[in-house]
Amino acid sequence: MFATPVSTHHSFAMFDMQKTVTLKGTVKEFQWISPHAWIVMTTPVPGGESKQWAVELSSPRTLARTGFTPKTLRPGMNISVDMHPLKDGSPGGTGVGLTLTLPDGRVMKLE
């Protein structure tokens, strides 16, 4: 028997890949999990309330190659993240292939 690599494909059909939105808000949670890491964050909305967003990233392994660690994002950090939003208008999207700006101004690529 021979082992061959398994190739998987992630469908981006649920995301509007033609549209890019920049979210500015506060990290609620950074989930460093396989197969995809996630940022759960809150953004301010008019009236003093906030809205929670879930931003899907690539795998922890891929993020690590661009300098991320499980501690790069911590609850309470103010960040800015570019993402392709969900087509259905739900508060979420994917940041794969875009960028994230940390509180110190460093811009990190979301491969």
N, C-alpha and C. Protein backbone atom coordinates (compact mmCIF):
# COMPACT_ATOMS: atom_id res chain seq x y z
N MET A 1 0.82 -1.17 0.00
CA MET A 1 0.00 0.00 0.00
C MET A 1 0.87 1.24 0.00
N PHE A 2 0.37 2.24 -0.67
CA PHE A 2 1.07 3.52 -0.71
C PHE A 2 0.17 4.58 -0.10
N ALA A 3 0.76 5.45 0.68
CA ALA A 3 0.00 6.57 1.25
C ALA A 3 0.13 7.76 0.31
N THR A 4 -0.97 8.37 0.04
CA THR A 4 -0.93 9.58 -0.78
C THR A 4 -1.54 10.72 0.02
N PRO A 5 -1.02 11.93 -0.20
CA PRO A 5 -1.58 13.06 0.55
C PRO A 5 -3.04 13.30 0.18
N VAL A 6 -3.80 13.69 1.15
CA VAL A 6 -5.20 14.00 0.92
C VAL A 6 -5.31 15.51 0.75
N SER A 7 -5.94 15.90 -0.30
CA SER A 7 -6.14 17.32 -0.55
C SER A 7 -7.58 17.67 -0.23
N THR A 8 -7.75 18.69 0.58
CA THR A 8 -9.10 19.13 0.90
C THR A 8 -9.32 20.50 0.31
N HIS A 9 -10.55 20.81 0.09
CA HIS A 9 -10.89 22.10 -0.47
C HIS A 9 -11.91 22.78 0.41
N HIS A 10 -11.61 24.01 0.76
CA HIS A 10 -12.54 24.80 1.56
C HIS A 10 -13.31 25.69 0.60
N SER A 11 -14.60 25.59 0.64
CA SER A 11 -15.42 26.41 -0.23
C SER A 11 -15.58 27.81 0.36
N PHE A 12 -15.37 28.80 -0.46
CA PHE A 12 -15.57 30.19 -0.05
C PHE A 12 -16.90 30.71 -0.58
N ALA A 13 -17.79 29.81 -0.98
CA ALA A 13 -19.06 30.20 -1.60
C ALA A 13 -19.93 31.05 -0.67
N MET A 14 -19.79 30.88 0.63
CA MET A 14 -20.64 31.64 1.56
C MET A 14 -20.17 33.07 1.77
N PHE A 15 -18.95 33.38 1.31
CA PHE A 15 -18.38 34.71 1.49
C PHE A 15 -18.48 35.52 0.21
N ASP A 16 -18.66 36.83 0.36
CA ASP A 16 -18.66 37.73 -0.79
C ASP A 16 -17.22 38.13 -1.06
N MET A 17 -16.55 37.36 -1.90
CA MET A 17 -15.13 37.56 -2.17
C MET A 17 -14.86 38.81 -3.01
N GLN A 18 -15.90 39.44 -3.51
CA GLN A 18 -15.75 40.68 -4.27
C GLN A 18 -15.79 41.91 -3.36
N LYS A 19 -16.15 41.70 -2.11
CA LYS A 19 -16.32 42.81 -1.17
C LYS A 19 -15.34 42.64 -0.01
N THR A 20 -14.70 43.73 0.39
CA THR A 20 -13.81 43.72 1.55
C THR A 20 -14.30 44.76 2.55
N VAL A 21 -14.44 44.35 3.80
CA VAL A 21 -14.90 45.20 4.88
C VAL A 21 -13.79 45.27 5.92
N THR A 22 -13.57 46.44 6.49
CA THR A 22 -12.61 46.58 7.58
C THR A 22 -13.37 46.74 8.88
N LEU A 23 -13.13 45.81 9.79
CA LEU A 23 -13.75 45.85 11.12
C LEU A 23 -12.75 46.42 12.11
N LYS A 24 -13.20 47.36 12.92
CA LYS A 24 -12.38 47.88 14.01
C LYS A 24 -13.13 47.58 15.29
N GLY A 25 -12.47 46.86 16.18
CA GLY A 25 -13.15 46.48 17.40
C GLY A 25 -12.22 45.84 18.40
N THR A 26 -12.83 45.12 19.33
CA THR A 26 -12.12 44.53 20.46
C THR A 26 -12.18 43.00 20.37
N VAL A 27 -11.02 42.37 20.56
CA VAL A 27 -10.96 40.91 20.57
C VAL A 27 -11.72 40.39 21.79
N LYS A 28 -12.65 39.52 21.54
CA LYS A 28 -13.34 38.82 22.64
C LYS A 28 -12.66 37.48 22.88
N GLU A 29 -12.28 36.83 21.77
CA GLU A 29 -11.68 35.50 21.87
C GLU A 29 -10.87 35.22 20.60
N PHE A 30 -9.72 34.57 20.76
CA PHE A 30 -8.91 34.12 19.62
C PHE A 30 -8.83 32.61 19.74
N GLN A 31 -9.47 31.92 18.81
CA GLN A 31 -9.53 30.46 18.85
C GLN A 31 -8.45 29.89 17.93
N TRP A 32 -7.40 29.36 18.52
CA TRP A 32 -6.26 28.79 17.80
C TRP A 32 -6.54 27.30 17.64
N ILE A 33 -7.44 26.96 16.70
CA ILE A 33 -7.89 25.58 16.54
C ILE A 33 -7.81 25.16 15.07
N SER A 34 -7.72 23.86 14.85
CA SER A 34 -7.73 23.32 13.49
C SER A 34 -9.15 22.93 13.14
N PRO A 35 -9.57 23.01 11.92
CA PRO A 35 -8.73 23.32 10.77
C PRO A 35 -8.56 24.82 10.52
N HIS A 36 -9.35 25.67 11.17
CA HIS A 36 -9.24 27.11 10.97
C HIS A 36 -9.28 27.84 12.30
N ALA A 37 -8.40 28.83 12.43
CA ALA A 37 -8.44 29.69 13.62
C ALA A 37 -9.57 30.71 13.43
N TRP A 38 -10.03 31.27 14.53
CA TRP A 38 -11.13 32.23 14.51
C TRP A 38 -10.83 33.41 15.42
N ILE A 39 -11.29 34.58 15.01
CA ILE A 39 -11.30 35.75 15.88
C ILE A 39 -12.77 36.05 16.16
N VAL A 40 -13.12 36.11 17.43
CA VAL A 40 -14.44 36.57 17.83
C VAL A 40 -14.20 37.96 18.39
N MET A 41 -14.87 38.97 17.81
CA MET A 41 -14.63 40.34 18.23
C MET A 41 -15.93 41.12 18.29
N THR A 42 -15.89 42.21 19.02
CA THR A 42 -17.05 43.09 19.10
C THR A 42 -16.69 44.43 18.48
N THR A 43 -17.67 45.02 17.80
CA THR A 43 -17.50 46.33 17.19
C THR A 43 -18.60 47.25 17.71
N PRO A 44 -18.28 48.52 17.86
CA PRO A 44 -19.31 49.45 18.33
C PRO A 44 -20.35 49.70 17.25
N VAL A 45 -21.57 49.92 17.68
CA VAL A 45 -22.66 50.31 16.77
C VAL A 45 -23.32 51.55 17.36
N PRO A 46 -23.99 52.33 16.53
CA PRO A 46 -24.65 53.53 17.05
C PRO A 46 -25.57 53.21 18.22
N GLY A 47 -25.61 54.09 19.18
CA GLY A 47 -26.45 53.88 20.35
C GLY A 47 -25.69 53.33 21.54
N GLY A 48 -24.36 53.15 21.37
CA GLY A 48 -23.54 52.68 22.48
C GLY A 48 -23.50 51.18 22.67
N GLU A 49 -24.17 50.44 21.80
CA GLU A 49 -24.14 48.99 21.91
C GLU A 49 -22.98 48.43 21.09
N SER A 50 -22.88 47.13 21.05
CA SER A 50 -21.83 46.50 20.23
C SER A 50 -22.41 45.30 19.49
N LYS A 51 -21.70 44.91 18.46
CA LYS A 51 -22.10 43.76 17.65
C LYS A 51 -20.95 42.76 17.67
N GLN A 52 -21.27 41.49 17.82
CA GLN A 52 -20.24 40.44 17.83
C GLN A 52 -20.06 39.87 16.43
N TRP A 53 -18.81 39.70 16.03
CA TRP A 53 -18.43 39.16 14.72
C TRP A 53 -17.56 37.93 14.90
N ALA A 54 -17.64 37.01 13.96
CA ALA A 54 -16.75 35.84 13.91
C ALA A 54 -16.01 35.89 12.58
N VAL A 55 -14.68 35.95 12.66
CA VAL A 55 -13.86 36.04 11.46
C VAL A 55 -13.01 34.78 11.36
N GLU A 56 -13.24 34.04 10.28
CA GLU A 56 -12.50 32.81 10.04
C GLU A 56 -11.15 33.13 9.43
N LEU A 57 -10.12 32.47 9.93
CA LEU A 57 -8.77 32.63 9.42
C LEU A 57 -8.31 31.32 8.80
N SER A 58 -7.06 31.27 8.40
CA SER A 58 -6.51 30.02 7.89
C SER A 58 -6.12 29.12 9.07
N SER A 59 -5.40 28.08 8.80
CA SER A 59 -5.02 27.13 9.85
C SER A 59 -3.96 27.72 10.77
N PRO A 60 -3.89 27.24 12.01
CA PRO A 60 -2.82 27.70 12.90
C PRO A 60 -1.43 27.51 12.29
N ARG A 61 -1.23 26.43 11.60
CA ARG A 61 0.07 26.16 10.97
C ARG A 61 0.42 27.25 9.97
N THR A 62 -0.53 27.63 9.15
CA THR A 62 -0.30 28.68 8.16
C THR A 62 -0.08 30.02 8.84
N LEU A 63 -0.89 30.33 9.85
CA LEU A 63 -0.72 31.58 10.57
C LEU A 63 0.64 31.66 11.26
N ALA A 64 1.11 30.54 11.79
CA ALA A 64 2.41 30.51 12.46
C ALA A 64 3.54 30.89 11.50
N ARG A 65 3.39 30.50 10.24
CA ARG A 65 4.42 30.86 9.24
C ARG A 65 4.48 32.36 8.99
N THR A 66 3.41 33.08 9.31
CA THR A 66 3.41 34.53 9.10
C THR A 66 3.66 35.30 10.40
N GLY A 67 4.00 34.56 11.48
CA GLY A 67 4.38 35.20 12.73
C GLY A 67 3.35 35.16 13.84
N PHE A 68 2.21 34.56 13.60
CA PHE A 68 1.19 34.45 14.65
C PHE A 68 1.56 33.36 15.64
N THR A 69 1.11 33.54 16.87
CA THR A 69 1.19 32.51 17.90
C THR A 69 -0.19 32.47 18.57
N PRO A 70 -0.43 31.49 19.42
CA PRO A 70 -1.72 31.46 20.11
C PRO A 70 -1.96 32.69 20.99
N LYS A 71 -0.91 33.43 21.32
CA LYS A 71 -1.03 34.60 22.20
C LYS A 71 -0.96 35.93 21.45
N THR A 72 -0.92 35.89 20.11
CA THR A 72 -0.84 37.14 19.34
C THR A 72 -2.03 38.04 19.61
N LEU A 73 -3.20 37.45 19.71
CA LEU A 73 -4.42 38.21 20.00
C LEU A 73 -4.95 37.79 21.35
N ARG A 74 -5.20 38.78 22.19
CA ARG A 74 -5.71 38.52 23.54
C ARG A 74 -7.00 39.29 23.75
N PRO A 75 -7.89 38.76 24.56
CA PRO A 75 -9.13 39.48 24.86
C PRO A 75 -8.84 40.90 25.33
N GLY A 76 -9.63 41.83 24.82
CA GLY A 76 -9.48 43.22 25.19
C GLY A 76 -8.63 44.05 24.23
N MET A 77 -7.88 43.37 23.35
CA MET A 77 -7.06 44.11 22.39
C MET A 77 -7.94 44.78 21.35
N ASN A 78 -7.59 46.02 21.01
CA ASN A 78 -8.28 46.72 19.92
C ASN A 78 -7.52 46.47 18.63
N ILE A 79 -8.22 45.90 17.65
CA ILE A 79 -7.60 45.55 16.39
C ILE A 79 -8.46 46.05 15.23
N SER A 80 -7.87 45.95 14.06
CA SER A 80 -8.57 46.21 12.81
C SER A 80 -8.30 45.01 11.92
N VAL A 81 -9.34 44.43 11.34
CA VAL A 81 -9.16 43.26 10.48
C VAL A 81 -9.96 43.45 9.20
N ASP A 82 -9.31 43.15 8.08
CA ASP A 82 -9.99 43.17 6.79
C ASP A 82 -10.59 41.79 6.57
N MET A 83 -11.79 41.77 6.02
CA MET A 83 -12.44 40.48 5.78
C MET A 83 -13.40 40.57 4.60
N HIS A 84 -13.69 39.41 4.05
CA HIS A 84 -14.74 39.26 3.04
C HIS A 84 -15.97 38.81 3.83
N PRO A 85 -17.05 39.62 3.81
CA PRO A 85 -18.21 39.31 4.64
C PRO A 85 -19.02 38.11 4.14
N LEU A 86 -19.85 37.60 5.02
CA LEU A 86 -20.79 36.55 4.64
C LEU A 86 -21.83 37.14 3.68
N LYS A 87 -22.19 36.38 2.68
CA LYS A 87 -23.16 36.84 1.69
C LYS A 87 -24.54 37.10 2.29
N ASP A 88 -24.89 36.35 3.33
CA ASP A 88 -26.24 36.49 3.89
C ASP A 88 -26.38 37.67 4.85
N GLY A 89 -25.29 38.43 5.04
CA GLY A 89 -25.36 39.61 5.90
C GLY A 89 -25.14 39.34 7.38
N SER A 90 -24.97 38.08 7.75
CA SER A 90 -24.68 37.75 9.15
C SER A 90 -23.34 38.37 9.55
N PRO A 91 -23.14 38.66 10.82
CA PRO A 91 -21.90 39.29 11.27
C PRO A 91 -20.72 38.32 11.31
N GLY A 92 -20.15 38.08 10.16
CA GLY A 92 -19.00 37.19 10.06
C GLY A 92 -18.38 37.27 8.69
N GLY A 93 -17.26 36.60 8.55
CA GLY A 93 -16.59 36.57 7.27
C GLY A 93 -15.28 35.83 7.36
N THR A 94 -14.48 35.97 6.30
CA THR A 94 -13.16 35.36 6.27
C THR A 94 -12.09 36.42 6.05
N GLY A 95 -11.01 36.28 6.79
CA GLY A 95 -9.88 37.19 6.63
C GLY A 95 -8.77 36.59 5.79
N VAL A 96 -8.97 35.37 5.30
CA VAL A 96 -7.93 34.67 4.53
C VAL A 96 -7.48 35.51 3.35
N GLY A 97 -6.18 35.74 3.26
CA GLY A 97 -5.59 36.50 2.16
C GLY A 97 -5.57 38.00 2.40
N LEU A 98 -6.07 38.44 3.54
CA LEU A 98 -6.14 39.87 3.82
C LEU A 98 -5.20 40.23 4.96
N THR A 99 -5.48 41.31 5.70
CA THR A 99 -4.57 41.75 6.76
C THR A 99 -5.30 42.07 8.05
N LEU A 100 -4.50 42.11 9.11
CA LEU A 100 -4.95 42.45 10.45
C LEU A 100 -3.97 43.47 11.01
N THR A 101 -4.47 44.51 11.66
CA THR A 101 -3.60 45.52 12.26
C THR A 101 -3.71 45.43 13.78
N LEU A 102 -2.55 45.28 14.41
CA LEU A 102 -2.47 45.16 15.87
C LEU A 102 -2.49 46.54 16.52
N PRO A 103 -2.70 46.62 17.84
CA PRO A 103 -2.76 47.91 18.52
C PRO A 103 -1.50 48.77 18.34
N ASP A 104 -0.34 48.13 18.16
CA ASP A 104 0.90 48.89 17.99
C ASP A 104 1.13 49.34 16.54
N GLY A 105 0.17 49.05 15.66
CA GLY A 105 0.28 49.49 14.27
C GLY A 105 0.86 48.46 13.33
N ARG A 106 1.39 47.36 13.88
CA ARG A 106 1.93 46.31 13.01
C ARG A 106 0.82 45.69 12.19
N VAL A 107 1.11 45.48 10.90
CA VAL A 107 0.15 44.84 10.02
C VAL A 107 0.62 43.42 9.76
N MET A 108 -0.29 42.46 9.98
CA MET A 108 0.04 41.05 9.78
C MET A 108 -0.80 40.49 8.64
N LYS A 109 -0.15 39.71 7.80
CA LYS A 109 -0.82 39.08 6.67
C LYS A 109 -1.56 37.84 7.15
N LEU A 110 -2.80 37.70 6.71
CA LEU A 110 -3.62 36.53 7.06
C LEU A 110 -3.61 35.56 5.90
N GLU A 111 -2.52 34.85 5.73
CA GLU A 111 -2.38 33.89 4.62
C GLU A 111 -3.42 32.82 4.72
